[in-house]
Amino acid sequence: MDMSRRILSVVIAVLTFSTGAMASDLSEAEQDIIAERIKPVGQVYLVGSEPVAAEPTGPRDGATVYGTFCIACHASGVSGAPKKGDAGDWGPRIAQGRDILADHAINGFNAMPAKGSCMDCSDDEVKDAIEHMIAGL
């Protein structure tokens, strides 16, 4: 039994070292092909690593902010959100004044979170989104 283990160990060692020797004989192009075939499918992002989403490159217009953040609630009136372009929904809010309207949108009010959950939006971008929603009333 002990002899068969030794033989098996030698066979495993020979196979291990011979495949390593064969791999080093591959051309650079063949090594690149193998590396491409066995590369990981995805990547892991750790806290503090580079951001997944690109940073905004400048101010966004009201339509862009609305289409990215506000539309989720203001298109259908979720939790009482005034629907875009609906004079009946917006009339009483506009009557309070644009400053109060902007304050509620920026700081949050009732079911609306601060800045409508757009934490990287500037106050001016939020105000532009409001203007986009009430345009034509």
N, C-alpha and C. Protein backbone atom coordinates (compact mmCIF):
# COMPACT_ATOMS: atom_id res chain seq x y z
N MET A 1 0.83 -1.18 0.00
CA MET A 1 0.00 0.00 0.00
C MET A 1 0.87 1.24 0.00
N ASP A 2 1.94 1.20 0.76
CA ASP A 2 2.83 2.35 0.86
C ASP A 2 3.51 2.62 -0.48
N MET A 3 3.84 1.57 -1.22
CA MET A 3 4.50 1.72 -2.52
C MET A 3 3.57 2.36 -3.54
N SER A 4 2.30 2.02 -3.50
CA SER A 4 1.35 2.60 -4.45
C SER A 4 1.15 4.09 -4.19
N ARG A 5 1.22 4.51 -2.95
CA ARG A 5 1.13 5.94 -2.62
C ARG A 5 2.33 6.70 -3.16
N ARG A 6 3.51 6.12 -3.05
CA ARG A 6 4.72 6.76 -3.57
C ARG A 6 4.63 6.91 -5.09
N ILE A 7 4.18 5.87 -5.75
CA ILE A 7 4.06 5.92 -7.21
C ILE A 7 3.04 6.99 -7.61
N LEU A 8 1.92 7.01 -6.92
CA LEU A 8 0.89 7.99 -7.20
C LEU A 8 1.42 9.41 -6.96
N SER A 9 2.17 9.61 -5.91
CA SER A 9 2.76 10.93 -5.61
C SER A 9 3.72 11.35 -6.71
N VAL A 10 4.54 10.40 -7.20
CA VAL A 10 5.49 10.71 -8.27
C VAL A 10 4.74 11.07 -9.55
N VAL A 11 3.71 10.32 -9.87
CA VAL A 11 2.93 10.59 -11.09
C VAL A 11 2.29 11.98 -11.01
N ILE A 12 1.73 12.31 -9.87
CA ILE A 12 1.11 13.62 -9.69
C ILE A 12 2.15 14.73 -9.82
N ALA A 13 3.30 14.54 -9.21
CA ALA A 13 4.36 15.54 -9.30
C ALA A 13 4.82 15.72 -10.73
N VAL A 14 5.00 14.63 -11.47
CA VAL A 14 5.44 14.72 -12.87
C VAL A 14 4.41 15.47 -13.69
N LEU A 15 3.14 15.15 -13.52
CA LEU A 15 2.09 15.83 -14.28
C LEU A 15 2.02 17.32 -13.93
N THR A 16 2.16 17.62 -12.67
CA THR A 16 2.09 19.01 -12.23
C THR A 16 3.23 19.83 -12.84
N PHE A 17 4.45 19.34 -12.74
CA PHE A 17 5.60 20.10 -13.24
C PHE A 17 5.67 20.09 -14.76
N SER A 18 5.20 19.03 -15.39
CA SER A 18 5.27 18.99 -16.86
C SER A 18 4.25 19.95 -17.47
N THR A 19 3.07 20.12 -16.87
CA THR A 19 2.10 21.07 -17.40
C THR A 19 2.59 22.49 -17.20
N GLY A 20 3.27 22.77 -16.12
CA GLY A 20 3.86 24.09 -15.90
C GLY A 20 4.93 24.38 -16.92
N ALA A 21 5.71 23.38 -17.27
CA ALA A 21 6.75 23.56 -18.29
C ALA A 21 6.13 23.79 -19.65
N MET A 22 5.03 23.09 -19.94
CA MET A 22 4.36 23.28 -21.23
C MET A 22 3.75 24.67 -21.31
N ALA A 23 3.21 25.18 -20.23
CA ALA A 23 2.60 26.51 -20.24
C ALA A 23 3.63 27.59 -20.51
N SER A 24 4.85 27.41 -20.02
CA SER A 24 5.87 28.42 -20.25
C SER A 24 6.38 28.38 -21.69
N ASP A 25 6.12 27.29 -22.41
CA ASP A 25 6.53 27.18 -23.81
C ASP A 25 5.53 27.83 -24.76
N LEU A 26 4.38 28.30 -24.26
CA LEU A 26 3.38 28.91 -25.12
C LEU A 26 3.83 30.29 -25.58
N SER A 27 3.42 30.65 -26.77
CA SER A 27 3.75 31.99 -27.27
C SER A 27 2.93 33.03 -26.49
N GLU A 28 3.31 34.27 -26.63
CA GLU A 28 2.62 35.34 -25.92
C GLU A 28 1.17 35.44 -26.39
N ALA A 29 0.92 35.25 -27.68
CA ALA A 29 -0.43 35.30 -28.22
C ALA A 29 -1.29 34.18 -27.63
N GLU A 30 -0.72 32.99 -27.50
CA GLU A 30 -1.45 31.86 -26.91
C GLU A 30 -1.74 32.11 -25.44
N GLN A 31 -0.77 32.69 -24.73
CA GLN A 31 -0.99 33.02 -23.32
C GLN A 31 -2.10 34.07 -23.17
N ASP A 32 -2.17 35.06 -24.10
CA ASP A 32 -3.22 36.07 -24.06
C ASP A 32 -4.59 35.46 -24.30
N ILE A 33 -4.65 34.49 -25.22
CA ILE A 33 -5.92 33.81 -25.50
C ILE A 33 -6.40 33.05 -24.27
N ILE A 34 -5.49 32.37 -23.62
CA ILE A 34 -5.85 31.62 -22.41
C ILE A 34 -6.27 32.58 -21.30
N ALA A 35 -5.53 33.66 -21.13
CA ALA A 35 -5.87 34.64 -20.09
C ALA A 35 -7.26 35.24 -20.34
N GLU A 36 -7.58 35.51 -21.60
CA GLU A 36 -8.91 36.05 -21.95
C GLU A 36 -10.00 35.04 -21.63
N ARG A 37 -9.74 33.77 -21.89
CA ARG A 37 -10.72 32.72 -21.67
C ARG A 37 -11.00 32.48 -20.19
N ILE A 38 -10.02 32.67 -19.33
CA ILE A 38 -10.20 32.35 -17.91
C ILE A 38 -10.35 33.59 -17.03
N LYS A 39 -10.47 34.79 -17.65
CA LYS A 39 -10.60 36.01 -16.83
C LYS A 39 -11.93 36.00 -16.08
N PRO A 40 -12.01 36.72 -14.97
CA PRO A 40 -13.25 36.78 -14.19
C PRO A 40 -14.38 37.41 -15.00
N VAL A 41 -15.59 36.99 -14.71
CA VAL A 41 -16.75 37.49 -15.42
C VAL A 41 -17.09 38.91 -14.99
N GLY A 42 -16.96 39.22 -13.74
CA GLY A 42 -17.31 40.53 -13.20
C GLY A 42 -16.23 41.08 -12.32
N GLN A 43 -16.57 42.19 -11.68
CA GLN A 43 -15.64 42.82 -10.76
C GLN A 43 -16.36 43.09 -9.45
N VAL A 44 -15.61 43.27 -8.40
CA VAL A 44 -16.15 43.58 -7.09
C VAL A 44 -15.74 44.99 -6.75
N TYR A 45 -16.72 45.80 -6.35
CA TYR A 45 -16.43 47.16 -5.92
C TYR A 45 -16.52 47.21 -4.41
N LEU A 46 -15.49 47.72 -3.79
CA LEU A 46 -15.45 47.84 -2.35
C LEU A 46 -15.74 49.28 -1.95
N VAL A 47 -16.21 49.46 -0.73
CA VAL A 47 -16.47 50.79 -0.22
C VAL A 47 -15.19 51.61 -0.31
N GLY A 48 -15.30 52.78 -0.89
CA GLY A 48 -14.14 53.65 -1.03
C GLY A 48 -13.43 53.49 -2.36
N SER A 49 -13.85 52.51 -3.16
CA SER A 49 -13.22 52.37 -4.47
C SER A 49 -13.87 53.35 -5.43
N GLU A 50 -13.44 53.33 -6.67
CA GLU A 50 -13.98 54.28 -7.64
C GLU A 50 -15.49 54.14 -7.75
N PRO A 51 -16.19 55.25 -8.02
CA PRO A 51 -17.65 55.19 -8.10
C PRO A 51 -18.11 54.42 -9.33
N VAL A 52 -19.25 53.75 -9.19
CA VAL A 52 -19.81 53.00 -10.31
C VAL A 52 -20.45 53.97 -11.31
N ALA A 53 -21.14 54.99 -10.81
CA ALA A 53 -21.78 55.96 -11.69
C ALA A 53 -20.86 57.16 -11.89
N ALA A 54 -20.93 57.73 -13.06
CA ALA A 54 -20.10 58.89 -13.36
C ALA A 54 -20.63 60.12 -12.63
N GLU A 55 -19.74 60.97 -12.23
CA GLU A 55 -20.10 62.22 -11.59
C GLU A 55 -20.75 63.14 -12.62
N PRO A 56 -21.73 63.92 -12.20
CA PRO A 56 -22.32 64.87 -13.15
C PRO A 56 -21.25 65.84 -13.67
N THR A 57 -21.33 66.17 -14.93
CA THR A 57 -20.33 67.04 -15.53
C THR A 57 -20.76 68.50 -15.51
N GLY A 58 -21.97 68.78 -15.14
CA GLY A 58 -22.45 70.15 -15.09
C GLY A 58 -23.90 70.16 -14.66
N PRO A 59 -24.48 71.35 -14.60
CA PRO A 59 -25.88 71.41 -14.17
C PRO A 59 -26.80 70.71 -15.18
N ARG A 60 -27.78 70.00 -14.63
CA ARG A 60 -28.77 69.31 -15.47
C ARG A 60 -29.99 70.21 -15.62
N ASP A 61 -30.65 70.11 -16.74
CA ASP A 61 -31.86 70.92 -16.91
C ASP A 61 -33.03 70.26 -16.20
N GLY A 62 -34.13 71.01 -16.08
CA GLY A 62 -35.30 70.51 -15.35
C GLY A 62 -35.87 69.24 -15.92
N ALA A 63 -35.88 69.12 -17.26
CA ALA A 63 -36.42 67.92 -17.89
C ALA A 63 -35.59 66.69 -17.55
N THR A 64 -34.27 66.85 -17.49
CA THR A 64 -33.39 65.73 -17.16
C THR A 64 -33.59 65.29 -15.72
N VAL A 65 -33.64 66.25 -14.80
CA VAL A 65 -33.85 65.92 -13.38
C VAL A 65 -35.21 65.26 -13.20
N TYR A 66 -36.24 65.84 -13.83
CA TYR A 66 -37.58 65.24 -13.75
C TYR A 66 -37.57 63.81 -14.29
N GLY A 67 -36.99 63.62 -15.45
CA GLY A 67 -36.99 62.31 -16.09
C GLY A 67 -36.18 61.26 -15.34
N THR A 68 -35.22 61.70 -14.53
CA THR A 68 -34.38 60.77 -13.80
C THR A 68 -34.91 60.47 -12.40
N PHE A 69 -35.40 61.51 -11.71
CA PHE A 69 -35.77 61.35 -10.30
C PHE A 69 -37.26 61.57 -10.03
N CYS A 70 -37.81 62.65 -10.52
CA CYS A 70 -39.15 63.08 -10.15
C CYS A 70 -40.27 62.24 -10.77
N ILE A 71 -40.01 61.72 -11.94
CA ILE A 71 -41.03 61.02 -12.71
C ILE A 71 -41.62 59.83 -11.96
N ALA A 72 -40.85 59.22 -11.11
CA ALA A 72 -41.32 58.02 -10.38
C ALA A 72 -42.60 58.31 -9.60
N CYS A 73 -42.70 59.48 -9.01
CA CYS A 73 -43.89 59.82 -8.22
C CYS A 73 -44.80 60.82 -8.93
N HIS A 74 -44.21 61.78 -9.64
CA HIS A 74 -45.00 62.87 -10.20
C HIS A 74 -45.67 62.52 -11.53
N ALA A 75 -45.37 61.40 -12.12
CA ALA A 75 -46.08 60.99 -13.34
C ALA A 75 -47.43 60.40 -13.01
N SER A 76 -47.53 59.68 -11.87
CA SER A 76 -48.77 59.00 -11.52
C SER A 76 -49.42 59.51 -10.25
N GLY A 77 -48.76 60.41 -9.53
CA GLY A 77 -49.34 60.96 -8.31
C GLY A 77 -49.19 60.07 -7.09
N VAL A 78 -48.11 59.33 -7.02
CA VAL A 78 -47.87 58.43 -5.88
C VAL A 78 -47.89 59.22 -4.57
N SER A 79 -48.59 58.72 -3.58
CA SER A 79 -48.68 59.31 -2.23
C SER A 79 -49.10 60.78 -2.26
N GLY A 80 -49.93 61.14 -3.21
CA GLY A 80 -50.44 62.51 -3.29
C GLY A 80 -49.52 63.49 -4.00
N ALA A 81 -48.48 63.01 -4.67
CA ALA A 81 -47.58 63.90 -5.40
C ALA A 81 -48.35 64.56 -6.54
N PRO A 82 -48.20 65.87 -6.71
CA PRO A 82 -48.89 66.53 -7.82
C PRO A 82 -48.35 66.05 -9.16
N LYS A 83 -49.26 65.69 -10.05
CA LYS A 83 -48.86 65.14 -11.35
C LYS A 83 -48.37 66.26 -12.27
N LYS A 84 -47.37 65.93 -13.06
CA LYS A 84 -46.79 66.90 -14.00
C LYS A 84 -47.87 67.44 -14.92
N GLY A 85 -47.95 68.77 -15.00
CA GLY A 85 -48.88 69.42 -15.90
C GLY A 85 -50.32 69.45 -15.45
N ASP A 86 -50.64 68.95 -14.26
CA ASP A 86 -52.01 68.92 -13.77
C ASP A 86 -52.28 70.19 -12.94
N ALA A 87 -53.06 71.12 -13.52
CA ALA A 87 -53.32 72.40 -12.85
C ALA A 87 -54.06 72.21 -11.53
N GLY A 88 -54.96 71.24 -11.48
CA GLY A 88 -55.71 70.98 -10.24
C GLY A 88 -54.80 70.55 -9.10
N ASP A 89 -53.78 69.77 -9.41
CA ASP A 89 -52.84 69.32 -8.38
C ASP A 89 -51.89 70.44 -7.97
N TRP A 90 -51.43 71.21 -8.94
CA TRP A 90 -50.39 72.20 -8.67
C TRP A 90 -50.94 73.55 -8.19
N GLY A 91 -52.18 73.89 -8.56
CA GLY A 91 -52.75 75.20 -8.24
C GLY A 91 -52.60 75.62 -6.78
N PRO A 92 -53.07 74.80 -5.83
CA PRO A 92 -52.96 75.19 -4.42
C PRO A 92 -51.50 75.31 -3.94
N ARG A 93 -50.64 74.53 -4.51
CA ARG A 93 -49.22 74.59 -4.12
C ARG A 93 -48.56 75.86 -4.66
N ILE A 94 -48.87 76.19 -5.90
CA ILE A 94 -48.30 77.40 -6.50
C ILE A 94 -48.83 78.64 -5.78
N ALA A 95 -50.10 78.58 -5.32
CA ALA A 95 -50.71 79.71 -4.61
C ALA A 95 -49.95 80.05 -3.32
N GLN A 96 -49.28 79.08 -2.73
CA GLN A 96 -48.50 79.34 -1.51
C GLN A 96 -47.24 80.14 -1.81
N GLY A 97 -46.84 80.17 -3.05
CA GLY A 97 -45.65 80.92 -3.45
C GLY A 97 -44.53 79.98 -3.89
N ARG A 98 -43.73 80.49 -4.80
CA ARG A 98 -42.63 79.69 -5.35
C ARG A 98 -41.57 79.39 -4.30
N ASP A 99 -41.38 80.29 -3.35
CA ASP A 99 -40.36 80.05 -2.32
C ASP A 99 -40.73 78.87 -1.44
N ILE A 100 -41.99 78.77 -1.05
CA ILE A 100 -42.45 77.64 -0.23
C ILE A 100 -42.40 76.36 -1.04
N LEU A 101 -42.81 76.46 -2.29
CA LEU A 101 -42.76 75.29 -3.19
C LEU A 101 -41.33 74.77 -3.30
N ALA A 102 -40.38 75.67 -3.51
CA ALA A 102 -38.97 75.28 -3.61
C ALA A 102 -38.46 74.72 -2.28
N ASP A 103 -38.85 75.35 -1.17
CA ASP A 103 -38.41 74.87 0.15
C ASP A 103 -38.90 73.45 0.41
N HIS A 104 -40.17 73.18 0.08
CA HIS A 104 -40.71 71.82 0.28
C HIS A 104 -39.98 70.81 -0.59
N ALA A 105 -39.67 71.20 -1.82
CA ALA A 105 -38.99 70.27 -2.73
C ALA A 105 -37.54 70.01 -2.28
N ILE A 106 -36.88 71.05 -1.81
CA ILE A 106 -35.47 70.92 -1.43
C ILE A 106 -35.31 70.21 -0.09
N ASN A 107 -36.14 70.56 0.88
CA ASN A 107 -36.00 70.01 2.24
C ASN A 107 -36.91 68.83 2.54
N GLY A 108 -37.85 68.56 1.64
CA GLY A 108 -38.79 67.47 1.85
C GLY A 108 -40.04 67.97 2.54
N PHE A 109 -41.18 67.33 2.24
CA PHE A 109 -42.45 67.73 2.84
C PHE A 109 -43.41 66.57 2.71
N ASN A 110 -44.07 66.24 3.82
CA ASN A 110 -44.99 65.09 3.86
C ASN A 110 -44.28 63.84 3.33
N ALA A 111 -44.81 63.21 2.28
CA ALA A 111 -44.22 61.96 1.79
C ALA A 111 -43.03 62.18 0.86
N MET A 112 -42.80 63.45 0.47
CA MET A 112 -41.69 63.72 -0.46
C MET A 112 -40.39 63.83 0.31
N PRO A 113 -39.40 63.02 -0.08
CA PRO A 113 -38.09 63.13 0.57
C PRO A 113 -37.35 64.39 0.09
N ALA A 114 -36.37 64.80 0.84
CA ALA A 114 -35.57 65.96 0.46
C ALA A 114 -35.01 65.77 -0.94
N LYS A 115 -35.17 66.80 -1.75
CA LYS A 115 -34.70 66.82 -3.14
C LYS A 115 -35.23 65.63 -3.94
N GLY A 116 -36.34 65.07 -3.51
CA GLY A 116 -36.92 63.94 -4.25
C GLY A 116 -35.96 62.78 -4.38
N SER A 117 -35.07 62.63 -3.41
CA SER A 117 -34.04 61.59 -3.36
C SER A 117 -32.88 61.84 -4.32
N CYS A 118 -32.82 63.00 -4.95
CA CYS A 118 -31.69 63.34 -5.82
C CYS A 118 -30.66 64.08 -4.96
N MET A 119 -29.87 63.33 -4.22
CA MET A 119 -28.97 63.96 -3.26
C MET A 119 -27.81 64.70 -3.91
N ASP A 120 -27.55 64.45 -5.19
CA ASP A 120 -26.48 65.20 -5.85
C ASP A 120 -27.03 66.35 -6.70
N CYS A 121 -28.33 66.61 -6.60
CA CYS A 121 -28.93 67.74 -7.33
C CYS A 121 -28.68 69.03 -6.54
N SER A 122 -28.38 70.07 -7.27
CA SER A 122 -28.26 71.38 -6.63
C SER A 122 -29.66 71.94 -6.40
N ASP A 123 -29.76 72.96 -5.57
CA ASP A 123 -31.06 73.60 -5.33
C ASP A 123 -31.62 74.15 -6.64
N ASP A 124 -30.76 74.72 -7.47
CA ASP A 124 -31.22 75.27 -8.75
C ASP A 124 -31.75 74.17 -9.67
N GLU A 125 -31.13 72.99 -9.65
CA GLU A 125 -31.61 71.88 -10.47
C GLU A 125 -33.00 71.43 -10.01
N VAL A 126 -33.21 71.42 -8.69
CA VAL A 126 -34.53 71.04 -8.15
C VAL A 126 -35.57 72.09 -8.57
N LYS A 127 -35.21 73.36 -8.47
CA LYS A 127 -36.13 74.43 -8.88
C LYS A 127 -36.45 74.33 -10.38
N ASP A 128 -35.45 73.99 -11.19
CA ASP A 128 -35.67 73.82 -12.63
C ASP A 128 -36.61 72.64 -12.90
N ALA A 129 -36.52 71.59 -12.09
CA ALA A 129 -37.42 70.44 -12.25
C ALA A 129 -38.84 70.85 -11.91
N ILE A 130 -39.02 71.69 -10.88
CA ILE A 130 -40.35 72.18 -10.54
C ILE A 130 -40.92 72.98 -11.72
N GLU A 131 -40.10 73.89 -12.25
CA GLU A 131 -40.55 74.69 -13.38
C GLU A 131 -40.94 73.81 -14.57
N HIS A 132 -40.21 72.73 -14.77
CA HIS A 132 -40.53 71.80 -15.85
C HIS A 132 -41.89 71.15 -15.59
N MET A 133 -42.18 70.78 -14.34
CA MET A 133 -43.44 70.10 -14.03
C MET A 133 -44.64 71.03 -14.13
N ILE A 134 -44.44 72.32 -13.87
CA ILE A 134 -45.59 73.24 -13.90
C ILE A 134 -45.65 74.06 -15.19
N ALA A 135 -44.76 73.81 -16.11
CA ALA A 135 -44.77 74.55 -17.37
C ALA A 135 -46.10 74.37 -18.09
N GLY A 136 -46.63 75.46 -18.58
CA GLY A 136 -47.86 75.41 -19.37
C GLY A 136 -49.14 75.38 -18.55
N LEU A 137 -49.05 75.58 -17.25
CA LEU A 137 -50.30 75.59 -16.44
C LEU A 137 -50.99 76.92 -16.54
